Amino acid sequence: MAEAARELKALGAGAFAGACTDPCDGRTPGHRRHDDSLPFRNDAAIVLRRLMRSLPTGKGVLGIATCDKGCPP
């Protein structure tokens, strides 16, 4: 993320970092709370969307995901 922020700044863009976590399906299968995974991701997406909309100069978003399920297609 730091490298991406440096590149954006070099291009004249402002960079703002925000983070959103999600549960790992690799740790939850078979557990009774496994059903919370998708609703949690939906809540995280709502929070991240609100954060992005709150930025007054936002014209684009660069998302960096650490899991194939944590970033929308």
N, C-alpha and C. Protein backbone atom coordinates (compact mmCIF):
# COMPACT_ATOMS: atom_id res chain seq x y z
N MET A 1 0.81 -1.17 0.00
CA MET A 1 0.00 0.00 0.00
C MET A 1 0.87 1.25 0.00
N ALA A 2 1.96 1.20 0.74
CA ALA A 2 2.85 2.36 0.79
C ALA A 2 3.43 2.66 -0.60
N GLU A 3 3.81 1.62 -1.31
CA GLU A 3 4.35 1.80 -2.65
C GLU A 3 3.29 2.37 -3.60
N ALA A 4 2.07 1.87 -3.50
CA ALA A 4 0.98 2.39 -4.33
C ALA A 4 0.73 3.86 -4.01
N ALA A 5 0.76 4.23 -2.74
CA ALA A 5 0.56 5.63 -2.35
C ALA A 5 1.67 6.52 -2.91
N ARG A 6 2.93 6.02 -2.89
CA ARG A 6 4.04 6.80 -3.45
C ARG A 6 3.84 7.02 -4.95
N GLU A 7 3.43 5.97 -5.65
CA GLU A 7 3.21 6.08 -7.10
C GLU A 7 2.09 7.07 -7.41
N LEU A 8 0.99 6.99 -6.66
CA LEU A 8 -0.12 7.91 -6.88
C LEU A 8 0.31 9.35 -6.62
N LYS A 9 1.07 9.56 -5.56
CA LYS A 9 1.54 10.90 -5.22
C LYS A 9 2.46 11.43 -6.32
N ALA A 10 3.32 10.57 -6.85
CA ALA A 10 4.22 10.96 -7.93
C ALA A 10 3.45 11.38 -9.18
N LEU A 11 2.27 10.82 -9.36
CA LEU A 11 1.42 11.16 -10.51
C LEU A 11 0.55 12.38 -10.23
N GLY A 12 0.69 12.96 -9.04
CA GLY A 12 -0.07 14.15 -8.71
C GLY A 12 -1.42 13.88 -8.06
N ALA A 13 -1.67 12.65 -7.70
CA ALA A 13 -2.94 12.30 -7.06
C ALA A 13 -2.76 12.31 -5.54
N GLY A 14 -3.84 12.57 -4.85
CA GLY A 14 -3.82 12.47 -3.40
C GLY A 14 -4.12 11.04 -3.00
N ALA A 15 -3.43 10.57 -2.02
CA ALA A 15 -3.65 9.18 -1.58
C ALA A 15 -4.20 9.19 -0.16
N PHE A 16 -5.20 8.37 0.06
CA PHE A 16 -5.79 8.19 1.37
C PHE A 16 -5.94 6.70 1.60
N ALA A 17 -5.45 6.20 2.70
CA ALA A 17 -5.53 4.77 2.98
C ALA A 17 -6.69 4.48 3.93
N GLY A 18 -7.47 3.50 3.58
CA GLY A 18 -8.53 3.00 4.44
C GLY A 18 -8.45 1.49 4.45
N ALA A 19 -8.85 0.89 5.52
CA ALA A 19 -8.75 -0.57 5.62
C ALA A 19 -10.09 -1.17 6.01
N CYS A 20 -10.33 -2.34 5.49
CA CYS A 20 -11.53 -3.10 5.82
C CYS A 20 -11.12 -4.56 5.91
N THR A 21 -11.45 -5.22 6.98
CA THR A 21 -11.06 -6.62 7.13
C THR A 21 -12.24 -7.54 6.83
N ASP A 22 -11.93 -8.77 6.60
CA ASP A 22 -13.00 -9.77 6.45
C ASP A 22 -12.52 -11.08 7.04
N PRO A 23 -13.45 -11.93 7.45
CA PRO A 23 -13.06 -13.20 8.05
C PRO A 23 -12.47 -14.16 7.02
N CYS A 24 -11.63 -15.03 7.46
CA CYS A 24 -11.00 -16.00 6.57
C CYS A 24 -11.82 -17.28 6.55
N ASP A 25 -12.30 -17.66 5.36
CA ASP A 25 -13.05 -18.91 5.24
C ASP A 25 -12.19 -20.13 5.54
N GLY A 26 -10.89 -19.98 5.40
CA GLY A 26 -10.01 -21.10 5.67
C GLY A 26 -9.98 -21.50 7.13
N ARG A 27 -10.42 -20.61 8.01
CA ARG A 27 -10.42 -20.91 9.44
C ARG A 27 -11.80 -21.23 9.97
N THR A 28 -12.86 -20.91 9.21
CA THR A 28 -14.21 -21.04 9.76
C THR A 28 -15.04 -22.22 9.27
N PRO A 29 -14.66 -22.98 8.24
CA PRO A 29 -15.54 -24.06 7.79
C PRO A 29 -15.89 -25.04 8.91
N GLY A 30 -17.14 -25.42 8.94
CA GLY A 30 -17.61 -26.37 9.93
C GLY A 30 -17.94 -25.73 11.27
N HIS A 31 -17.61 -24.48 11.41
CA HIS A 31 -17.88 -23.76 12.65
C HIS A 31 -19.25 -23.10 12.55
N ARG A 32 -19.96 -22.99 13.66
CA ARG A 32 -21.31 -22.44 13.60
C ARG A 32 -21.35 -20.98 13.17
N ARG A 33 -20.24 -20.28 13.30
CA ARG A 33 -20.21 -18.88 12.89
C ARG A 33 -19.77 -18.70 11.43
N HIS A 34 -19.57 -19.79 10.72
CA HIS A 34 -19.20 -19.71 9.31
C HIS A 34 -20.24 -18.93 8.51
N ASP A 35 -21.50 -19.00 8.92
CA ASP A 35 -22.57 -18.30 8.20
C ASP A 35 -22.45 -16.78 8.31
N ASP A 36 -21.61 -16.27 9.19
CA ASP A 36 -21.43 -14.82 9.33
C ASP A 36 -20.49 -14.25 8.27
N SER A 37 -19.81 -15.08 7.53
CA SER A 37 -18.79 -14.64 6.61
C SER A 37 -19.33 -13.68 5.54
N LEU A 38 -20.35 -14.09 4.80
CA LEU A 38 -20.87 -13.24 3.73
C LEU A 38 -21.54 -11.97 4.26
N PRO A 39 -22.39 -12.05 5.31
CA PRO A 39 -22.95 -10.79 5.84
C PRO A 39 -21.87 -9.84 6.34
N PHE A 40 -20.80 -10.37 6.92
CA PHE A 40 -19.70 -9.53 7.39
C PHE A 40 -19.07 -8.80 6.22
N ARG A 41 -18.84 -9.50 5.13
CA ARG A 41 -18.24 -8.88 3.94
C ARG A 41 -19.15 -7.80 3.38
N ASN A 42 -20.46 -8.04 3.40
CA ASN A 42 -21.39 -7.04 2.93
C ASN A 42 -21.31 -5.78 3.80
N ASP A 43 -21.28 -5.96 5.11
CA ASP A 43 -21.16 -4.81 6.01
C ASP A 43 -19.85 -4.06 5.76
N ALA A 44 -18.76 -4.79 5.56
CA ALA A 44 -17.47 -4.16 5.31
C ALA A 44 -17.52 -3.37 4.01
N ALA A 45 -18.17 -3.90 2.98
CA ALA A 45 -18.29 -3.19 1.70
C ALA A 45 -19.08 -1.90 1.86
N ILE A 46 -20.13 -1.93 2.67
CA ILE A 46 -20.94 -0.73 2.91
C ILE A 46 -20.10 0.34 3.60
N VAL A 47 -19.34 -0.06 4.62
CA VAL A 47 -18.50 0.89 5.34
C VAL A 47 -17.44 1.48 4.41
N LEU A 48 -16.79 0.64 3.62
CA LEU A 48 -15.76 1.12 2.70
C LEU A 48 -16.36 2.06 1.65
N ARG A 49 -17.54 1.73 1.14
CA ARG A 49 -18.20 2.60 0.16
C ARG A 49 -18.51 3.97 0.77
N ARG A 50 -18.99 3.97 2.00
CA ARG A 50 -19.27 5.25 2.66
C ARG A 50 -17.99 6.05 2.88
N LEU A 51 -16.92 5.37 3.24
CA LEU A 51 -15.63 6.04 3.41
C LEU A 51 -15.20 6.67 2.10
N MET A 52 -15.29 5.94 1.00
CA MET A 52 -14.88 6.47 -0.30
C MET A 52 -15.73 7.67 -0.71
N ARG A 53 -17.03 7.60 -0.46
CA ARG A 53 -17.91 8.71 -0.83
C ARG A 53 -17.65 9.95 0.02
N SER A 54 -17.08 9.78 1.20
CA SER A 54 -16.85 10.91 2.09
C SER A 54 -15.63 11.73 1.70
N LEU A 55 -14.80 11.21 0.82
CA LEU A 55 -13.59 11.92 0.41
C LEU A 55 -13.97 12.99 -0.62
N PRO A 56 -13.73 14.26 -0.31
CA PRO A 56 -14.21 15.34 -1.18
C PRO A 56 -13.56 15.39 -2.55
N THR A 57 -12.36 14.90 -2.69
CA THR A 57 -11.68 14.98 -3.98
C THR A 57 -11.54 13.62 -4.65
N GLY A 58 -12.26 12.64 -4.16
CA GLY A 58 -12.13 11.29 -4.71
C GLY A 58 -12.64 11.17 -6.14
N LYS A 59 -11.76 10.71 -7.03
CA LYS A 59 -12.15 10.49 -8.43
C LYS A 59 -11.91 9.04 -8.84
N GLY A 60 -11.29 8.29 -7.96
CA GLY A 60 -10.99 6.91 -8.27
C GLY A 60 -10.54 6.18 -7.02
N VAL A 61 -10.55 4.88 -7.10
CA VAL A 61 -10.17 4.05 -5.96
C VAL A 61 -9.25 2.95 -6.44
N LEU A 62 -8.20 2.73 -5.68
CA LEU A 62 -7.31 1.60 -5.93
C LEU A 62 -7.51 0.64 -4.77
N GLY A 63 -8.05 -0.51 -5.04
CA GLY A 63 -8.27 -1.51 -3.99
C GLY A 63 -7.17 -2.55 -4.00
N ILE A 64 -6.69 -2.88 -2.83
CA ILE A 64 -5.66 -3.91 -2.70
C ILE A 64 -6.21 -4.98 -1.78
N ALA A 65 -6.45 -6.14 -2.31
CA ALA A 65 -7.05 -7.23 -1.54
C ALA A 65 -5.97 -8.23 -1.13
N THR A 66 -6.18 -8.84 0.01
CA THR A 66 -5.26 -9.87 0.47
C THR A 66 -5.87 -11.26 0.34
N CYS A 67 -7.11 -11.31 -0.13
CA CYS A 67 -7.82 -12.58 -0.27
C CYS A 67 -8.70 -12.49 -1.50
N ASP A 68 -8.89 -13.59 -2.21
CA ASP A 68 -9.72 -13.57 -3.42
C ASP A 68 -11.18 -13.24 -3.12
N LYS A 69 -11.63 -13.44 -1.89
CA LYS A 69 -13.02 -13.18 -1.56
C LYS A 69 -13.25 -11.82 -0.92
N GLY A 70 -12.16 -11.11 -0.63
CA GLY A 70 -12.29 -9.83 0.06
C GLY A 70 -12.43 -8.63 -0.84
N CYS A 71 -12.34 -8.83 -2.14
CA CYS A 71 -12.43 -7.72 -3.08
C CYS A 71 -13.47 -8.05 -4.13
N PRO A 72 -14.43 -7.16 -4.37
CA PRO A 72 -15.47 -7.47 -5.36
C PRO A 72 -14.89 -7.57 -6.76
N PRO A 73 -15.50 -8.37 -7.63
CA PRO A 73 -14.97 -8.54 -9.01
C PRO A 73 -15.13 -7.28 -9.83
